[in-house]
Amino acid sequence: MSVPLWGWLVVLGVILAMLAIDLFAHRDAHVIGVREAAIWSGIWVAFGVGFGALVWTVWGSEFGQQYFAGYLIEKSLAVDNVFVWAIIFTYFAVPRELQHRVLFFGVVGALVFRGAFIAGGSALIASFGAILYVFAAFLVVTGVKMLRQRNDHLDPEKSRTLRLFRRYVPMTDAFYGQRFLVRIGGGALVATPLLAVLVLIEVTDIVFAVDSIPAIFAVTDVPFLVFTANAFAILGLRAMYFLLADLMHRFVYLKVGLALVLIWVGIKMALKIDLYYIPTTISLAVIALVIGTSVALSLRATRGRTREDKPSEVAPSPFRVATEAELAEAAPVWGTARRGDR
């Protein structure tokens, strides 16, 4: 599959335009409801599926199926990100109207980091083909580990990233609107908890990328498809979070499904190196079946369960929203405060 430079530039231009539209549509802090989240989710999925249809039409069914297999893997694994985001937001008690802003910049960072990972992975595969054995083994081991630790969850209080951030970055305990940095009383520059949340989200996404990038290389070794499948899957993550945030407690078997997908694509990668190439059609069907079954069984097992039915062990958050007096005292990092900062 040969993609000219202008093809890459067009795709990057479309992604940047979509990000700009999303940022403009959510320039003011507000709570994103289920209806708005559903509309945006539909828009992002339509773009992702539409691009897959374009690949299918221009480059043929094999590459089209490879894109959709990669898109489905990334979209499924991304749900794990949503679980982690919910935990982080709960720990920091991030006001709902501020969550989209931090997720927007988190997604931008994820696109940059994953683009770098994909470039590095492609270079490694091109110069050292045996690295595929390492990727395959890593995916199988990660899948087994996920199965064994499927009930474990991130504890932000014990996060090494958060401890290092607190040690080296002066930080206030209050949220000052949408600001990541603020000057209190015209004094020294300090970070708000929103910046700590952004850093934690970026680091956890890098950790997730270590799993997801090798996984997508198992179904396609075309860098263009790897990047676009990642990009279009990630672009819809913010809307997915607001759509699923109140349903997280119901996906009890999803991690089992994700673990089985990682094991499957690891085995597929190992076999295709020297032994047998499993057709993309079969691979796509298996991935869809495993994820679909895990979601269906989860919803069936938790039918009638509300969020309150699940015991909460979350301690009171050490962070709060700044008072009107504190907001009045705080000076912006530069210039004057913009509408929506408070």
Protein backbone atom coordinates (compact mmCIF):
# COMPACT_ATOMS: atom_id res chain seq x y z
CA MET A 1 0.00 0.00 0.00
CA SER A 2 1.60 3.24 -1.16
CA VAL A 3 0.35 6.55 0.23
CA PRO A 4 1.80 9.76 -1.26
CA LEU A 5 2.96 12.60 0.97
CA TRP A 6 -0.08 14.68 0.06
CA GLY A 7 -2.29 11.85 1.36
CA TRP A 8 -0.61 12.07 4.78
CA LEU A 9 -0.92 15.87 4.74
CA VAL A 10 -4.63 15.71 3.87
CA VAL A 11 -5.33 13.27 6.73
CA LEU A 12 -3.34 15.38 9.19
CA GLY A 13 -5.20 18.47 7.99
CA VAL A 14 -8.57 16.77 8.52
CA ILE A 15 -7.56 15.67 12.04
CA LEU A 16 -6.39 19.20 12.96
CA ALA A 17 -9.60 20.69 11.54
CA MET A 18 -11.70 18.26 13.56
CA LEU A 19 -9.77 19.13 16.72
CA ALA A 20 -10.23 22.86 16.04
CA ILE A 21 -13.98 22.42 15.52
CA ASP A 22 -14.24 20.40 18.75
CA LEU A 23 -12.26 23.00 20.71
CA PHE A 24 -14.40 25.84 19.34
CA ALA A 25 -17.64 23.97 20.11
CA HIS A 26 -16.51 23.47 23.73
CA ARG A 27 -14.65 26.75 24.26
CA ASP A 28 -16.82 27.59 27.28
CA ALA A 29 -16.80 25.32 30.32
CA HIS A 30 -20.10 23.46 30.63
CA VAL A 31 -21.40 20.09 31.71
CA ILE A 32 -21.63 17.70 28.75
CA GLY A 33 -24.83 15.70 28.92
CA VAL A 34 -25.61 12.29 27.49
CA ARG A 35 -27.40 13.73 24.44
CA GLU A 36 -24.48 15.98 23.48
CA ALA A 37 -22.01 13.16 24.11
CA ALA A 38 -24.08 10.78 21.97
CA ILE A 39 -24.16 13.28 19.08
CA TRP A 40 -20.40 13.83 19.20
CA SER A 41 -19.77 10.09 19.54
CA GLY A 42 -21.84 9.54 16.42
CA ILE A 43 -19.85 12.21 14.57
CA TRP A 44 -16.47 10.70 15.51
CA VAL A 45 -17.57 7.15 14.70
CA ALA A 46 -18.97 8.36 11.35
CA PHE A 47 -15.59 9.92 10.51
CA GLY A 48 -13.74 6.74 11.53
CA VAL A 49 -16.03 4.40 9.61
CA GLY A 50 -16.18 6.77 6.65
CA PHE A 51 -12.41 6.86 6.41
CA GLY A 52 -12.36 3.05 6.54
CA ALA A 53 -14.85 2.95 3.67
CA LEU A 54 -12.57 5.31 1.72
CA VAL A 55 -9.57 3.02 2.33
CA TRP A 56 -11.66 0.03 1.23
CA THR A 57 -12.73 1.81 -1.97
CA VAL A 58 -9.33 3.21 -2.95
CA TRP A 59 -6.93 0.45 -1.85
CA GLY A 60 -9.16 -2.63 -1.79
CA SER A 61 -10.91 -4.90 0.71
CA GLU A 62 -7.74 -6.35 2.31
CA PHE A 63 -6.44 -2.97 3.44
CA GLY A 64 -9.97 -1.87 4.31
CA GLN A 65 -10.35 -4.86 6.62
CA GLN A 66 -6.93 -4.23 8.12
CA TYR A 67 -7.98 -0.67 8.95
CA PHE A 68 -11.26 -1.77 10.53
CA ALA A 69 -9.51 -4.51 12.54
CA GLY A 70 -7.03 -1.93 13.85
CA TYR A 71 -9.78 0.61 14.51
CA LEU A 72 -11.82 -1.94 16.45
CA ILE A 73 -8.80 -2.99 18.53
CA GLU A 74 -7.90 0.61 19.38
CA LYS A 75 -11.51 1.58 20.08
CA SER A 76 -11.94 -1.41 22.40
CA LEU A 77 -8.68 -0.92 24.26
CA ALA A 78 -9.53 2.77 24.57
CA VAL A 79 -12.46 1.87 26.80
CA ASP A 80 -9.87 0.89 29.40
CA ASN A 81 -8.65 4.50 29.21
CA VAL A 82 -12.19 5.62 30.00
CA PHE A 83 -12.19 3.50 33.17
CA VAL A 84 -8.93 5.11 34.29
CA TRP A 85 -10.15 8.62 33.47
CA ALA A 86 -13.22 8.05 35.62
CA ILE A 87 -11.01 7.01 38.55
CA ILE A 88 -8.69 10.02 38.11
CA PHE A 89 -11.56 12.49 37.84
CA THR A 90 -13.22 11.01 40.93
CA TYR A 91 -10.03 11.17 42.99
CA PHE A 92 -9.37 14.81 42.04
CA ALA A 93 -13.08 15.70 42.22
CA VAL A 94 -12.76 17.45 38.87
CA PRO A 95 -15.93 19.49 38.21
CA ARG A 96 -17.79 17.97 35.25
CA GLU A 97 -17.72 21.25 33.34
CA LEU A 98 -13.90 21.19 33.36
CA GLN A 99 -13.43 17.59 32.28
CA HIS A 100 -13.72 18.14 28.54
CA ARG A 101 -10.90 20.71 28.52
CA VAL A 102 -8.39 18.42 30.18
CA LEU A 103 -9.45 15.50 27.97
CA PHE A 104 -9.06 17.62 24.85
CA PHE A 105 -5.41 18.37 25.60
CA GLY A 106 -4.96 14.77 26.77
CA VAL A 107 -6.11 13.51 23.38
CA VAL A 108 -3.83 15.95 21.55
CA GLY A 109 -0.89 14.67 23.59
CA ALA A 110 -1.94 11.07 22.95
CA LEU A 111 -1.93 11.68 19.18
CA VAL A 112 1.59 13.10 19.35
CA PHE A 113 3.00 10.34 21.54
CA ARG A 114 1.34 7.55 19.59
CA GLY A 115 2.53 9.02 16.34
CA ALA A 116 6.08 8.85 17.72
CA PHE A 117 5.55 5.26 18.93
CA ILE A 118 4.19 4.21 15.55
CA ALA A 119 7.14 5.77 13.73
CA GLY A 120 9.55 4.03 16.10
CA GLY A 121 7.74 0.70 15.82
CA SER A 122 7.70 0.86 12.02
CA ALA A 123 11.44 1.63 11.94
CA LEU A 124 12.17 -1.28 14.30
CA ILE A 125 10.12 -3.74 12.24
CA ALA A 126 11.73 -2.56 8.99
CA SER A 127 15.30 -2.90 10.31
CA PHE A 128 14.88 -5.77 12.76
CA GLY A 129 12.06 -8.13 11.76
CA ALA A 130 12.66 -10.43 14.72
CA ILE A 131 11.23 -7.71 16.98
CA LEU A 132 7.83 -9.09 15.99
CA TYR A 133 8.53 -12.12 18.18
CA VAL A 134 9.12 -9.75 21.09
CA PHE A 135 5.89 -7.88 20.32
CA ALA A 136 3.95 -11.15 20.07
CA ALA A 137 5.29 -12.47 23.37
CA PHE A 138 4.64 -9.13 25.05
CA LEU A 139 1.01 -9.12 23.89
CA VAL A 140 0.36 -12.64 25.14
CA VAL A 141 2.00 -11.95 28.51
CA THR A 142 0.11 -8.66 28.84
CA GLY A 143 -3.18 -10.39 28.03
CA VAL A 144 -2.58 -13.09 30.65
CA LYS A 145 -1.57 -10.44 33.18
CA MET A 146 -4.73 -8.46 32.43
CA LEU A 147 -6.82 -11.59 32.99
CA ARG A 148 -5.19 -12.22 36.37
CA GLN A 149 -5.44 -8.58 37.46
CA ARG A 150 -8.81 -7.76 35.89
CA ASN A 151 -10.22 -6.58 39.23
CA ASP A 152 -7.28 -4.29 40.04
CA HIS A 153 -7.68 -0.56 39.53
CA LEU A 154 -5.44 2.48 39.44
CA ASP A 155 -4.99 4.25 42.79
CA PRO A 156 -4.02 7.87 42.01
CA GLU A 157 -2.89 8.45 45.60
CA LYS A 158 -0.20 5.78 45.15
CA SER A 159 0.78 6.93 41.66
CA ARG A 160 4.50 7.55 41.27
CA THR A 161 3.71 10.15 38.60
CA LEU A 162 1.55 12.16 41.00
CA ARG A 163 4.14 11.93 43.78
CA LEU A 164 6.88 13.24 41.46
CA PHE A 165 4.61 16.00 40.18
CA ARG A 166 3.82 17.16 43.71
CA ARG A 167 7.48 17.03 44.68
CA TYR A 168 8.82 19.16 41.84
CA VAL A 169 5.88 21.34 40.77
CA PRO A 170 4.34 23.89 43.18
CA MET A 171 0.60 23.22 43.14
CA THR A 172 -2.48 24.72 44.75
CA ASP A 173 -5.22 22.44 46.08
CA ALA A 174 -7.99 24.39 44.33
CA PHE A 175 -9.37 24.41 40.79
CA TYR A 176 -9.32 27.88 39.22
CA GLY A 177 -11.76 27.40 36.39
CA GLN A 178 -10.17 26.05 33.21
CA ARG A 179 -6.69 27.29 34.09
CA PHE A 180 -3.75 24.90 34.29
CA LEU A 181 -1.46 27.55 35.78
CA VAL A 182 -2.22 30.58 37.91
CA ARG A 183 -0.55 33.38 39.85
CA ILE A 184 -2.06 33.78 43.31
CA GLY A 185 -1.98 37.35 44.53
CA GLY A 186 0.38 38.29 41.71
CA GLY A 187 3.07 36.07 43.22
CA ALA A 188 4.79 32.92 42.03
CA LEU A 189 3.37 30.78 39.26
CA VAL A 190 1.72 27.60 40.54
CA ALA A 191 -0.03 24.67 38.92
CA THR A 192 -3.67 23.90 39.55
CA PRO A 193 -4.93 20.34 40.10
CA LEU A 194 -6.14 20.43 36.48
CA LEU A 195 -2.52 20.32 35.28
CA ALA A 196 -1.80 17.36 37.56
CA VAL A 197 -4.83 15.58 36.10
CA LEU A 198 -3.57 16.26 32.56
CA VAL A 199 -0.09 14.93 33.37
CA LEU A 200 -1.55 11.79 34.97
CA ILE A 201 -3.83 11.18 31.97
CA GLU A 202 -0.93 11.62 29.53
CA VAL A 203 1.33 9.20 31.43
CA THR A 204 -1.38 6.54 31.73
CA ASP A 205 -2.10 6.87 27.99
CA ILE A 206 1.58 6.27 27.25
CA VAL A 207 1.38 3.11 29.35
CA PHE A 208 -1.72 1.99 27.44
CA ALA A 209 -0.02 2.78 24.13
CA VAL A 210 2.70 0.25 24.97
CA ASP A 211 -0.05 -2.40 24.73
CA SER A 212 -2.16 -1.01 21.92
CA ILE A 213 0.54 -0.12 19.38
CA PRO A 214 2.00 -3.66 19.19
CA ALA A 215 -1.57 -4.98 19.08
CA ILE A 216 -2.46 -3.04 15.96
CA PHE A 217 0.82 -4.04 14.29
CA ALA A 218 -0.46 -7.60 14.62
CA VAL A 219 -3.26 -6.90 12.13
CA THR A 220 -1.48 -4.47 9.80
CA ASP A 221 2.11 -3.41 9.23
CA VAL A 222 1.15 -0.41 7.09
CA PRO A 223 2.15 2.74 9.05
CA PHE A 224 -0.60 4.82 7.38
CA LEU A 225 -3.30 2.40 8.54
CA VAL A 226 -1.76 2.04 12.01
CA PHE A 227 -1.71 5.81 12.50
CA THR A 228 -5.15 6.58 11.06
CA ALA A 229 -6.85 3.73 12.96
CA ASN A 230 -5.25 5.04 16.16
CA ALA A 231 -6.11 8.66 15.41
CA PHE A 232 -9.77 8.13 14.55
CA ALA A 233 -10.26 5.82 17.53
CA ILE A 234 -8.66 8.31 19.93
CA LEU A 235 -10.55 11.33 18.58
CA GLY A 236 -13.83 9.91 19.83
CA LEU A 237 -12.56 9.10 23.32
CA ARG A 238 -13.76 12.31 24.98
CA ALA A 239 -17.32 11.87 23.77
CA MET A 240 -17.16 8.17 24.69
CA TYR A 241 -16.15 9.07 28.22
CA PHE A 242 -19.11 11.39 28.76
CA LEU A 243 -21.41 8.82 27.18
CA LEU A 244 -20.17 5.89 29.29
CA ALA A 245 -18.97 7.56 32.50
CA ASP A 246 -22.12 6.66 34.40
CA LEU A 247 -22.15 3.08 33.01
CA MET A 248 -18.61 2.03 33.95
CA HIS A 249 -19.89 -0.22 36.72
CA ARG A 250 -21.75 -2.36 34.18
CA PHE A 251 -18.82 -3.47 32.00
CA VAL A 252 -17.71 -6.17 34.40
CA TYR A 253 -16.41 -8.58 31.75
CA LEU A 254 -14.88 -6.07 29.36
CA LYS A 255 -11.34 -6.52 30.69
CA VAL A 256 -11.67 -10.26 30.11
CA GLY A 257 -12.60 -9.54 26.50
CA LEU A 258 -9.72 -7.09 26.06
CA ALA A 259 -7.29 -9.60 27.55
CA LEU A 260 -8.46 -12.31 25.15
CA VAL A 261 -8.08 -9.89 22.21
CA LEU A 262 -4.47 -9.14 23.22
CA ILE A 263 -3.71 -12.86 23.51
CA TRP A 264 -5.37 -13.53 20.13
CA VAL A 265 -3.49 -10.81 18.24
CA GLY A 266 -0.24 -11.89 19.94
CA ILE A 267 -0.73 -15.45 18.70
CA LYS A 268 -1.70 -14.13 15.24
CA MET A 269 1.47 -12.04 15.08
CA ALA A 270 3.69 -14.96 16.12
CA LEU A 271 2.11 -17.29 13.55
CA LYS A 272 2.31 -14.89 10.62
CA ILE A 273 6.09 -14.39 10.97
CA ASP A 274 7.11 -17.84 9.66
CA LEU A 275 4.21 -20.26 9.98
CA TYR A 276 0.73 -19.18 8.88
CA TYR A 277 -1.01 -15.92 8.02
CA ILE A 278 -4.48 -15.80 9.50
CA PRO A 279 -6.72 -13.94 7.02
CA THR A 280 -7.74 -10.45 8.10
CA THR A 281 -11.42 -11.36 7.67
CA ILE A 282 -11.11 -14.08 10.33
CA SER A 283 -9.07 -11.84 12.62
CA LEU A 284 -11.63 -9.02 12.36
CA ALA A 285 -14.50 -11.43 13.03
CA VAL A 286 -12.80 -12.90 16.12
CA ILE A 287 -12.04 -9.46 17.58
CA ALA A 288 -15.62 -8.25 16.99
CA LEU A 289 -17.06 -11.47 18.45
CA VAL A 290 -14.92 -11.38 21.60
CA ILE A 291 -15.58 -7.70 22.34
CA GLY A 292 -19.27 -7.95 21.46
CA THR A 293 -19.72 -11.03 23.66
CA SER A 294 -17.92 -9.46 26.63
CA VAL A 295 -20.09 -6.34 26.40
CA ALA A 296 -23.31 -8.35 26.01
CA LEU A 297 -22.49 -10.63 28.94
CA SER A 298 -21.54 -7.61 31.07
CA LEU A 299 -24.82 -5.82 30.40
CA ARG A 300 -26.78 -9.00 31.04
CA ALA A 301 -24.99 -9.74 34.32
CA THR A 302 -25.53 -6.19 35.62
CA ARG A 303 -29.09 -5.73 34.40
CA GLY A 304 -30.98 -3.52 36.82
CA ARG A 305 -27.86 -2.47 38.73
CA THR A 306 -27.47 1.23 39.36
CA ARG A 307 -24.25 3.05 40.03
CA GLU A 308 -25.17 3.34 43.70
CA ASP A 309 -25.48 -0.45 43.99
CA LYS A 310 -21.70 -0.73 43.76
CA PRO A 311 -19.98 0.02 47.09
CA SER A 312 -17.79 3.10 46.95
CA GLU A 313 -14.44 3.07 48.70
CA VAL A 314 -13.30 6.43 47.37
CA ALA A 315 -11.93 8.68 50.11
CA PRO A 316 -12.83 12.37 50.19
CA SER A 317 -10.82 14.26 47.58
CA PRO A 318 -8.01 16.52 48.84
CA PHE A 319 -8.87 19.01 46.07
CA ARG A 320 -11.60 21.62 45.88
CA VAL A 321 -13.00 24.45 43.75
CA ALA A 322 -11.61 27.91 44.43
CA THR A 323 -13.94 30.36 46.15
CA GLU A 324 -15.07 33.61 44.54
CA ALA A 325 -12.61 35.50 46.73
CA GLU A 326 -9.73 33.24 45.64
CA LEU A 327 -10.72 33.62 41.99
CA ALA A 328 -10.75 37.39 42.37
CA GLU A 329 -7.29 37.32 43.96
CA ALA A 330 -5.77 35.08 41.30
CA ALA A 331 -4.08 36.70 38.33
CA PRO A 332 -3.91 34.99 34.90
CA VAL A 333 -0.52 33.72 33.74
CA TRP A 334 -0.47 36.37 31.01
CA GLY A 335 -2.86 38.98 29.70
CA THR A 336 -6.36 39.27 31.06
CA ALA A 337 -8.71 36.51 32.08
CA ARG A 338 -10.76 35.13 29.23
CA ARG A 339 -14.43 34.29 29.33
CA GLY A 340 -14.85 30.72 30.60
CA ASP A 341 -11.70 30.76 32.77
CA ARG A 342 -13.82 31.23 35.87
